[in-house]
Amino acid sequence: MLGSMLFTEQTLAAVAAKFPQTPKNLSGIKGIGPEKTNRYGAAILTMIRTYEHQKGGVEAQVILF
C-alpha cells in the first residue's frame, strides 16, 4: 500500500521534516493518531532510522518532491 493512501502529503512532509524517533513523537504529528501509530508506527520509525543510518544522522534531509 502506498504511503499517500494512508497519509496526506502534508502528513508525510511533517514526518520527513520532524524525523520522529518515538511512537509518542510520531503520534504527535497531525494526521497520525494512536490507531495509525499502533498499526504502522514501528514500520515508519524503522524506515526513518534506516534512512538516518544510510545518510549519516538525523540532520539528513528528505526530498519529497
N, C-alpha and C. Protein backbone atom coordinates (compact mmCIF):
# COMPACT_ATOMS: atom_id res chain seq x y z
N MET A 1 0.85 -1.17 0.00
CA MET A 1 0.00 0.00 0.00
C MET A 1 0.89 1.24 0.00
N LEU A 2 0.57 2.19 -0.82
CA LEU A 2 1.34 3.42 -0.92
C LEU A 2 1.13 4.30 0.30
N GLY A 3 2.20 4.99 0.72
CA GLY A 3 2.10 5.90 1.85
C GLY A 3 1.07 6.98 1.65
N SER A 4 0.92 7.43 0.41
CA SER A 4 -0.04 8.50 0.14
C SER A 4 -1.49 8.02 0.26
N MET A 5 -1.69 6.71 0.33
CA MET A 5 -3.03 6.18 0.53
C MET A 5 -3.37 6.15 2.01
N LEU A 6 -2.37 6.17 2.87
CA LEU A 6 -2.57 6.13 4.31
C LEU A 6 -2.50 7.52 4.94
N PHE A 7 -1.65 8.36 4.37
CA PHE A 7 -1.38 9.68 4.94
C PHE A 7 -1.45 10.73 3.85
N THR A 8 -1.83 11.93 4.23
CA THR A 8 -1.83 13.03 3.27
C THR A 8 -0.39 13.45 2.97
N GLU A 9 -0.22 14.19 1.89
CA GLU A 9 1.11 14.71 1.57
C GLU A 9 1.62 15.60 2.69
N GLN A 10 0.73 16.35 3.32
CA GLN A 10 1.12 17.23 4.42
C GLN A 10 1.64 16.40 5.60
N THR A 11 0.99 15.29 5.88
CA THR A 11 1.43 14.44 6.98
C THR A 11 2.79 13.82 6.66
N LEU A 12 2.96 13.34 5.44
CA LEU A 12 4.24 12.76 5.05
C LEU A 12 5.35 13.81 5.09
N ALA A 13 5.04 15.04 4.68
CA ALA A 13 6.02 16.12 4.75
C ALA A 13 6.40 16.42 6.19
N ALA A 14 5.43 16.38 7.10
CA ALA A 14 5.72 16.62 8.52
C ALA A 14 6.60 15.52 9.09
N VAL A 15 6.36 14.29 8.71
CA VAL A 15 7.21 13.18 9.16
C VAL A 15 8.63 13.40 8.67
N ALA A 16 8.78 13.77 7.40
CA ALA A 16 10.10 13.99 6.83
C ALA A 16 10.81 15.17 7.48
N ALA A 17 10.07 16.19 7.85
CA ALA A 17 10.67 17.38 8.46
C ALA A 17 11.04 17.15 9.92
N LYS A 18 10.24 16.37 10.62
CA LYS A 18 10.42 16.22 12.07
C LYS A 18 11.25 15.01 12.47
N PHE A 19 11.38 14.02 11.60
CA PHE A 19 12.13 12.81 11.91
C PHE A 19 11.78 12.28 13.30
N PRO A 20 10.54 11.92 13.55
CA PRO A 20 10.17 11.43 14.88
C PRO A 20 10.98 10.18 15.24
N GLN A 21 11.37 10.09 16.50
CA GLN A 21 12.19 8.98 16.96
C GLN A 21 11.45 8.00 17.86
N THR A 22 10.26 8.37 18.29
CA THR A 22 9.48 7.52 19.19
C THR A 22 8.04 7.47 18.72
N PRO A 23 7.30 6.45 19.13
CA PRO A 23 5.87 6.41 18.79
C PRO A 23 5.13 7.64 19.30
N LYS A 24 5.50 8.13 20.47
CA LYS A 24 4.84 9.32 21.02
C LYS A 24 5.07 10.52 20.12
N ASN A 25 6.31 10.72 19.66
CA ASN A 25 6.61 11.81 18.73
C ASN A 25 5.85 11.64 17.42
N LEU A 26 5.79 10.42 16.94
CA LEU A 26 5.09 10.14 15.68
C LEU A 26 3.60 10.45 15.82
N SER A 27 2.99 10.03 16.91
CA SER A 27 1.56 10.25 17.08
C SER A 27 1.22 11.71 17.32
N GLY A 28 2.23 12.53 17.60
CA GLY A 28 2.01 13.95 17.78
C GLY A 28 1.92 14.72 16.47
N ILE A 29 2.18 14.06 15.36
CA ILE A 29 2.11 14.70 14.05
C ILE A 29 0.66 14.67 13.58
N LYS A 30 0.18 15.81 13.12
CA LYS A 30 -1.20 15.91 12.64
C LYS A 30 -1.43 14.89 11.52
N GLY A 31 -2.47 14.10 11.68
CA GLY A 31 -2.80 13.08 10.69
C GLY A 31 -2.35 11.68 11.09
N ILE A 32 -1.60 11.60 12.20
CA ILE A 32 -1.16 10.29 12.70
C ILE A 32 -1.60 10.19 14.15
N GLY A 33 -2.69 9.50 14.35
CA GLY A 33 -3.20 9.33 15.69
C GLY A 33 -2.75 8.01 16.29
N PRO A 34 -3.31 7.66 17.42
CA PRO A 34 -2.92 6.41 18.10
C PRO A 34 -3.14 5.15 17.26
N GLU A 35 -4.24 5.12 16.50
CA GLU A 35 -4.53 3.92 15.70
C GLU A 35 -3.48 3.71 14.61
N LYS A 36 -3.15 4.76 13.87
CA LYS A 36 -2.14 4.63 12.82
C LYS A 36 -0.76 4.41 13.42
N THR A 37 -0.49 5.01 14.58
CA THR A 37 0.79 4.77 15.25
C THR A 37 0.90 3.31 15.65
N ASN A 38 -0.15 2.76 16.22
CA ASN A 38 -0.13 1.34 16.62
C ASN A 38 0.01 0.42 15.42
N ARG A 39 -0.65 0.77 14.34
CA ARG A 39 -0.65 -0.11 13.18
C ARG A 39 0.61 0.03 12.31
N TYR A 40 1.07 1.25 12.10
CA TYR A 40 2.16 1.49 11.15
C TYR A 40 3.40 2.12 11.78
N GLY A 41 3.32 2.50 13.05
CA GLY A 41 4.40 3.25 13.68
C GLY A 41 5.75 2.56 13.65
N ALA A 42 5.79 1.28 14.00
CA ALA A 42 7.06 0.56 14.02
C ALA A 42 7.72 0.56 12.65
N ALA A 43 6.94 0.34 11.61
CA ALA A 43 7.50 0.33 10.25
C ALA A 43 7.99 1.71 9.84
N ILE A 44 7.24 2.75 10.18
CA ILE A 44 7.64 4.11 9.84
C ILE A 44 8.93 4.48 10.56
N LEU A 45 8.99 4.20 11.86
CA LEU A 45 10.18 4.53 12.63
C LEU A 45 11.40 3.74 12.15
N THR A 46 11.19 2.50 11.74
CA THR A 46 12.29 1.70 11.18
C THR A 46 12.80 2.32 9.89
N MET A 47 11.89 2.78 9.03
CA MET A 47 12.30 3.44 7.79
C MET A 47 13.10 4.70 8.08
N ILE A 48 12.65 5.48 9.05
CA ILE A 48 13.36 6.71 9.41
C ILE A 48 14.76 6.38 9.92
N ARG A 49 14.87 5.40 10.81
CA ARG A 49 16.18 5.02 11.36
C ARG A 49 17.10 4.48 10.28
N THR A 50 16.56 3.68 9.37
CA THR A 50 17.36 3.15 8.26
C THR A 50 17.88 4.28 7.39
N TYR A 51 17.01 5.23 7.07
CA TYR A 51 17.42 6.38 6.26
C TYR A 51 18.51 7.17 6.97
N GLU A 52 18.31 7.44 8.26
CA GLU A 52 19.30 8.20 9.02
C GLU A 52 20.65 7.48 9.03
N HIS A 53 20.62 6.18 9.21
CA HIS A 53 21.85 5.40 9.23
C HIS A 53 22.56 5.48 7.87
N GLN A 54 21.80 5.37 6.80
CA GLN A 54 22.38 5.41 5.46
C GLN A 54 22.94 6.79 5.12
N LYS A 55 22.29 7.84 5.63
CA LYS A 55 22.69 9.20 5.30
C LYS A 55 23.59 9.84 6.35
N GLY A 56 23.83 9.14 7.43
CA GLY A 56 24.79 9.63 8.40
C GLY A 56 24.24 10.49 9.52
N GLY A 57 22.97 10.36 9.86
CA GLY A 57 22.47 11.07 11.03
C GLY A 57 21.15 11.75 10.82
N VAL A 58 20.64 12.26 11.93
CA VAL A 58 19.31 12.86 11.95
C VAL A 58 19.25 14.16 11.16
N GLU A 59 20.39 14.81 10.96
CA GLU A 59 20.36 16.07 10.23
C GLU A 59 20.17 15.90 8.73
N ALA A 60 20.21 14.65 8.26
CA ALA A 60 19.97 14.40 6.83
C ALA A 60 18.57 14.86 6.46
N GLN A 61 18.41 15.36 5.27
CA GLN A 61 17.13 15.88 4.81
C GLN A 61 16.50 14.91 3.81
N VAL A 62 15.20 14.84 3.84
CA VAL A 62 14.45 14.02 2.90
C VAL A 62 13.88 14.93 1.83
N ILE A 63 14.07 14.55 0.58
CA ILE A 63 13.49 15.29 -0.53
C ILE A 63 12.23 14.55 -0.95
N LEU A 64 11.09 15.20 -0.77
CA LEU A 64 9.81 14.55 -1.08
C LEU A 64 9.34 14.81 -2.49
N PHE A 65 9.60 15.99 -3.00
CA PHE A 65 9.03 16.36 -4.29
C PHE A 65 10.10 16.81 -5.23
